[in-house]
């Protein structure tokens, strides 16, 4: 079966303050390994009691997921049923990705992975955000840290 007739699944963790995609993973299957590996990829210096938000999908209610979140010192936050507004930041991210990446023409999983990887770099380092003072997420994160460290 050609790749274009198959599915791929993308798991992303987004920093709500900066807008940065801080961890992501793509897989041919929507299994626990997909989200567990995404969590393992978080590259942040987490503050005490940092929140990680999700919907009520089976991945996020699984004891293994809850355990790894607790192990790295995060507190799990979960939307109530029918509270999709809580997921708006990540849904917006996926909407932009679908508009900006020509993923339907990919002929292989490797090609799709490469396109997503390129997009993550573009999104985090180059894609200006109106709500972030027209800065890219990494630029905005650095701006916020400067404000905190400078007291201003």
Protein backbone atom coordinates (compact mmCIF):
# COMPACT_ATOMS: atom_id res chain seq x y z
CA UNK A 1 0.00 0.00 0.00
CA UNK A 2 1.44 3.44 -0.89
CA UNK A 3 2.25 5.69 2.05
CA UNK A 4 -0.21 8.35 0.94
CA UNK A 5 -3.07 5.95 1.78
CA UNK A 6 -1.84 5.40 5.33
CA UNK A 7 -2.08 7.38 8.54
CA UNK A 8 0.58 8.94 10.74
CA UNK A 9 0.05 10.34 14.22
CA UNK A 10 1.73 13.40 15.68
CA UNK A 11 2.02 14.05 19.40
CA UNK A 12 3.09 17.57 20.44
CA UNK A 13 3.69 19.27 23.78
CA UNK A 14 3.44 23.04 23.56
CA UNK A 15 4.59 25.60 26.12
CA UNK A 16 1.56 27.79 26.68
CA UNK A 17 3.60 30.85 27.71
CA UNK A 18 5.98 30.99 24.76
CA UNK A 19 3.97 29.04 22.21
CA UNK A 20 7.00 26.82 21.57
CA UNK A 21 6.55 23.17 20.61
CA UNK A 22 8.87 21.77 23.30
CA UNK A 23 8.52 18.09 22.40
CA UNK A 24 7.06 16.13 19.54
CA UNK A 25 6.96 12.66 18.12
CA UNK A 26 5.41 11.07 15.04
CA UNK A 27 4.41 7.44 14.66
CA UNK A 28 2.55 5.11 12.33
CA UNK A 29 0.45 4.00 15.31
CA UNK A 30 -1.53 5.96 17.93
CA UNK A 31 -0.20 3.84 20.78
CA UNK A 32 1.22 4.57 24.22
CA UNK A 33 4.79 4.59 22.88
CA UNK A 34 3.90 7.69 20.85
CA UNK A 35 2.98 9.85 23.84
CA UNK A 36 5.49 8.32 26.23
CA UNK A 37 8.38 9.11 23.87
CA UNK A 38 7.01 12.64 23.40
CA UNK A 39 7.13 13.24 27.16
CA UNK A 40 10.68 11.85 27.32
CA UNK A 41 11.71 14.44 24.72
CA UNK A 42 10.71 17.48 26.78
CA UNK A 43 13.69 19.82 26.72
CA UNK A 44 12.80 22.37 29.36
CA UNK A 45 14.06 23.29 32.76
CA UNK A 46 10.75 22.63 34.46
CA UNK A 47 9.69 24.72 37.38
CA UNK A 48 8.15 23.08 40.42
CA UNK A 49 4.57 22.05 39.79
CA UNK A 50 4.62 22.74 36.04
CA UNK A 51 1.31 21.78 34.45
CA UNK A 52 0.87 19.50 31.47
CA UNK A 53 -2.56 19.72 29.90
CA UNK A 54 -4.34 17.16 27.74
CA UNK A 55 -7.74 15.95 26.72
CA UNK A 56 -9.24 12.76 28.18
CA UNK A 57 -7.85 10.41 25.54
CA UNK A 58 -6.86 6.92 26.61
CA UNK A 59 -3.16 7.82 26.38
CA UNK A 60 -3.44 10.53 29.01
CA UNK A 61 -5.49 8.51 31.50
CA UNK A 62 -3.15 5.52 31.26
CA UNK A 63 -1.30 4.79 34.54
CA UNK A 64 2.05 4.66 32.69
CA UNK A 65 1.56 8.19 31.37
CA UNK A 66 0.45 9.50 34.75
CA UNK A 67 3.49 7.89 36.39
CA UNK A 68 6.03 9.41 33.96
CA UNK A 69 4.43 12.85 34.34
CA UNK A 70 4.68 12.61 38.12
CA UNK A 71 8.25 11.30 37.89
CA UNK A 72 9.43 14.41 36.04
CA UNK A 73 7.61 16.63 38.54
CA UNK A 74 4.66 17.78 36.48
CA UNK A 75 1.04 18.12 37.49
CA UNK A 76 -1.50 16.75 35.07
CA UNK A 77 -4.36 19.00 33.94
CA UNK A 78 -7.16 17.55 31.90
CA UNK A 79 -10.13 19.02 30.08
CA UNK A 80 -13.57 18.09 31.25
CA UNK A 81 -15.86 16.40 28.76
CA UNK A 82 -17.04 18.91 26.20
CA UNK A 83 -14.47 21.56 27.26
CA UNK A 84 -12.62 21.74 23.97
CA UNK A 85 -11.73 25.40 24.57
CA UNK A 86 -8.99 24.19 26.93
CA UNK A 87 -7.27 22.52 23.99
CA UNK A 88 -7.49 25.58 21.71
CA UNK A 89 -3.72 26.36 21.74
CA UNK A 90 -2.71 22.90 20.51
CA UNK A 91 -5.65 22.66 18.11
CA UNK A 92 -4.57 26.01 16.64
CA UNK A 93 -1.03 24.64 16.24
CA UNK A 94 -2.33 21.59 14.36
CA UNK A 95 -4.49 23.83 12.17
CA UNK A 96 -1.46 25.91 11.18
CA UNK A 97 0.61 22.79 10.53
CA UNK A 98 -2.09 21.33 8.27
CA UNK A 99 -2.33 24.61 6.36
CA UNK A 100 1.42 25.14 6.03
CA UNK A 101 2.83 21.64 5.44
CA UNK A 102 2.08 19.75 2.24
CA UNK A 103 1.99 16.45 4.11
CA UNK A 104 -0.49 14.74 1.76
CA UNK A 105 2.11 14.45 -1.00
CA UNK A 106 4.62 12.56 1.14
CA UNK A 107 5.63 9.26 -0.43
CA UNK A 108 7.22 7.72 2.67
CA UNK A 109 7.17 7.95 6.43
CA UNK A 110 10.73 9.30 6.31
CA UNK A 111 9.64 12.12 3.99
CA UNK A 112 6.72 12.98 6.30
CA UNK A 113 9.00 12.93 9.34
CA UNK A 114 11.44 15.25 7.57
CA UNK A 115 8.67 17.71 6.64
CA UNK A 116 7.37 17.75 10.21
CA UNK A 117 10.88 18.19 11.59
CA UNK A 118 11.50 21.13 9.25
CA UNK A 119 8.16 22.65 10.24
CA UNK A 120 8.93 22.38 13.96
CA UNK A 121 12.15 24.33 13.42
CA UNK A 122 10.31 26.90 11.31
CA UNK A 123 7.44 27.17 13.81
CA UNK A 124 9.67 27.55 16.87
CA UNK A 125 12.40 29.78 15.43
CA UNK A 126 10.93 31.69 12.49
CA UNK A 127 7.11 31.76 12.50
CA UNK A 128 6.14 35.12 13.95
CA UNK A 129 3.07 35.15 16.21
CA UNK A 130 0.85 38.21 16.56
CA UNK A 131 -0.06 37.24 20.12
CA UNK A 132 3.64 37.01 21.06
CA UNK A 133 4.61 40.58 20.11
CA UNK A 134 5.29 39.41 16.55
CA UNK A 135 8.10 37.14 17.73
CA UNK A 136 8.72 33.49 17.00
CA UNK A 137 8.14 31.22 20.03
CA UNK A 138 11.83 30.73 20.94
CA UNK A 139 12.46 34.44 20.52
CA UNK A 140 9.44 35.17 22.74
CA UNK A 141 10.63 32.65 25.37
CA UNK A 142 14.00 34.39 25.50
CA UNK A 143 12.21 37.75 25.74
CA UNK A 144 10.13 36.48 28.69
CA UNK A 145 13.20 35.11 30.45
CA UNK A 146 15.00 38.43 29.98
CA UNK A 147 12.00 40.22 31.48
CA UNK A 148 11.97 37.88 34.48
CA UNK A 149 15.72 38.03 35.05
CA UNK A 150 15.85 41.79 34.52
CA UNK A 151 12.90 42.36 36.79
CA UNK A 152 11.07 44.20 34.17
